[in-house]
Every structure is written in structure tokens, then in C-alpha cells.
Amino acid sequence: MNIQIFGTKKCNDTKKAERFFKERGIKFQFIDMKEKGMSKGKFNSVAQTNGGLENMINWEGKNKDLLALTKYIAEEDKLEKVLENPQVIKNTGGP
């Protein structure tokens, strides 16, 4: 099994996930969303697991203008907008 943690270095949830796996001696790969982002294919796979794109967005986030744009943009453009602005992606789980 290949475990990947998508997050940022400063995110408390990311740190908790890393600590969880380290304490159990489980290997994982950390992908910094600010540095690398996520490919469309990987994002679609994660979104499908979590019930779709709408469930991947943190609608309670700080940037209300970006969230409003994301909400009302054409469906075919939403994925691109989210991938360009990974800060709107919510923590979708972990330990």
C-alpha cells in the first residue's frame, strides 16, 4: 500500500497525520500542496473517494470571494480553479 499525505508543512492536520504514521512505523509520502499541487488525475481519484468535487471544497474557508467564484463558475472550469487554488481544498480525513 502506498500512503500519500497531501497537505502543507504548517497545517496541524498534516502534522497529526504524519505523526500518526511515524508512531506506527508506517511509510508514507508527503506531497506539499503549496510546492507541487495535485495532478488532475490524482485529484479526481481523491474526489471520487470523497463523494465528488463539491465535497472536497472547504466552503467555510477564509477567502469568500474565491469560494463564491468557485461555487458559481461553470462546472467544466471548477476543477481547474480548485487546482489553481489548493487553499480551498479541505482536509478530507486522516487519523
Protein backbone atom coordinates (compact mmCIF):
# COMPACT_ATOMS: atom_id res chain seq x y z
CA MET A 1 0.00 0.00 0.00
CA ASN A 2 1.30 3.45 -0.94
CA ILE A 3 0.10 6.10 1.51
CA GLN A 4 0.26 9.70 0.39
CA ILE A 5 -0.42 12.73 2.56
CA PHE A 6 -1.40 15.84 0.64
CA GLY A 7 -1.06 18.95 2.79
CA THR A 8 1.18 21.81 3.77
CA LYS A 9 4.09 21.93 6.16
CA LYS A 10 2.33 24.32 8.53
CA CYS A 11 -1.03 22.52 8.63
CA ASN A 12 -1.81 20.97 12.02
CA ASP A 13 -3.89 18.19 10.44
CA THR A 14 -0.99 17.31 8.15
CA LYS A 15 1.36 17.18 11.14
CA LYS A 16 -1.09 14.92 13.01
CA ALA A 17 -1.30 12.54 10.06
CA GLU A 18 2.48 12.39 9.72
CA ARG A 19 2.88 11.74 13.46
CA PHE A 20 0.21 9.00 13.33
CA PHE A 21 2.04 7.08 10.62
CA LYS A 22 5.52 7.67 12.08
CA GLU A 23 4.45 6.39 15.50
CA ARG A 24 3.23 3.17 13.89
CA GLY A 25 6.25 2.74 11.65
CA ILE A 26 4.15 3.08 8.51
CA LYS A 27 5.87 4.53 5.46
CA PHE A 28 4.17 7.41 3.70
CA GLN A 29 4.91 10.07 1.13
CA PHE A 30 4.24 13.73 1.90
CA ILE A 31 3.19 15.95 -1.00
CA ASP A 32 3.32 19.66 -0.24
CA MET A 33 0.30 21.23 -1.92
CA LYS A 34 1.98 24.65 -1.97
CA GLU A 35 5.03 23.35 -3.79
CA LYS A 36 3.71 20.60 -6.05
CA GLY A 37 -0.05 20.75 -6.02
CA MET A 38 -2.02 17.75 -7.21
CA SER A 39 -2.47 16.37 -10.69
CA LYS A 40 -5.95 16.30 -12.22
CA GLY A 41 -5.93 12.52 -12.22
CA LYS A 42 -4.93 12.24 -8.57
CA PHE A 43 -7.41 14.95 -7.54
CA ASN A 44 -10.24 13.21 -9.42
CA SER A 45 -9.36 9.92 -7.72
CA VAL A 46 -9.38 11.53 -4.25
CA ALA A 47 -12.55 13.48 -5.06
CA GLN A 48 -14.33 10.32 -6.22
CA THR A 49 -13.38 8.59 -2.96
CA ASN A 50 -14.76 11.56 -1.01
CA GLY A 51 -18.05 11.95 -2.86
CA GLY A 52 -17.10 14.38 -5.61
CA LEU A 53 -15.55 17.79 -6.15
CA GLU A 54 -18.14 19.67 -4.09
CA ASN A 55 -17.20 17.61 -1.03
CA MET A 56 -13.53 18.47 -1.48
CA ILE A 57 -14.01 22.21 -1.07
CA ASN A 58 -13.85 23.92 2.31
CA TRP A 59 -16.92 26.13 1.93
CA GLU A 60 -16.18 27.65 5.36
CA GLY A 61 -12.75 28.90 4.25
CA LYS A 62 -11.44 32.43 4.67
CA ASN A 63 -11.35 33.58 1.05
CA LYS A 64 -15.07 34.14 0.47
CA ASP A 65 -14.55 35.78 -2.94
CA LEU A 66 -12.62 32.78 -4.26
CA LEU A 67 -15.18 30.39 -2.78
CA ALA A 68 -18.05 32.31 -4.38
CA LEU A 69 -16.27 32.25 -7.74
CA THR A 70 -15.63 28.52 -7.34
CA LYS A 71 -19.27 27.90 -6.46
CA TYR A 72 -20.74 29.76 -9.42
CA ILE A 73 -18.14 29.10 -12.12
CA ALA A 74 -19.09 26.76 -14.98
CA GLU A 75 -18.82 23.09 -13.98
CA GLU A 76 -16.17 22.38 -16.60
CA ASP A 77 -13.95 25.12 -15.11
CA LYS A 78 -14.31 24.24 -11.41
CA LEU A 79 -11.59 21.61 -11.30
CA GLU A 80 -9.04 23.97 -12.87
CA LYS A 81 -9.97 26.74 -10.41
CA VAL A 82 -9.60 24.41 -7.43
CA LEU A 83 -6.26 23.05 -8.65
CA GLU A 84 -5.01 26.63 -9.17
CA ASN A 85 -6.10 27.50 -5.61
CA PRO A 86 -5.43 24.46 -3.41
CA GLN A 87 -6.16 26.50 -0.27
CA VAL A 88 -9.87 25.89 -0.91
CA ILE A 89 -9.43 22.12 -0.56
CA LYS A 90 -10.50 20.90 2.85
CA ASN A 91 -8.89 18.28 5.00
CA THR A 92 -10.72 15.14 3.92
CA GLY A 93 -9.72 12.81 6.64
CA GLY A 94 -6.83 11.18 8.33
CA PRO A 95 -6.11 9.51 11.62
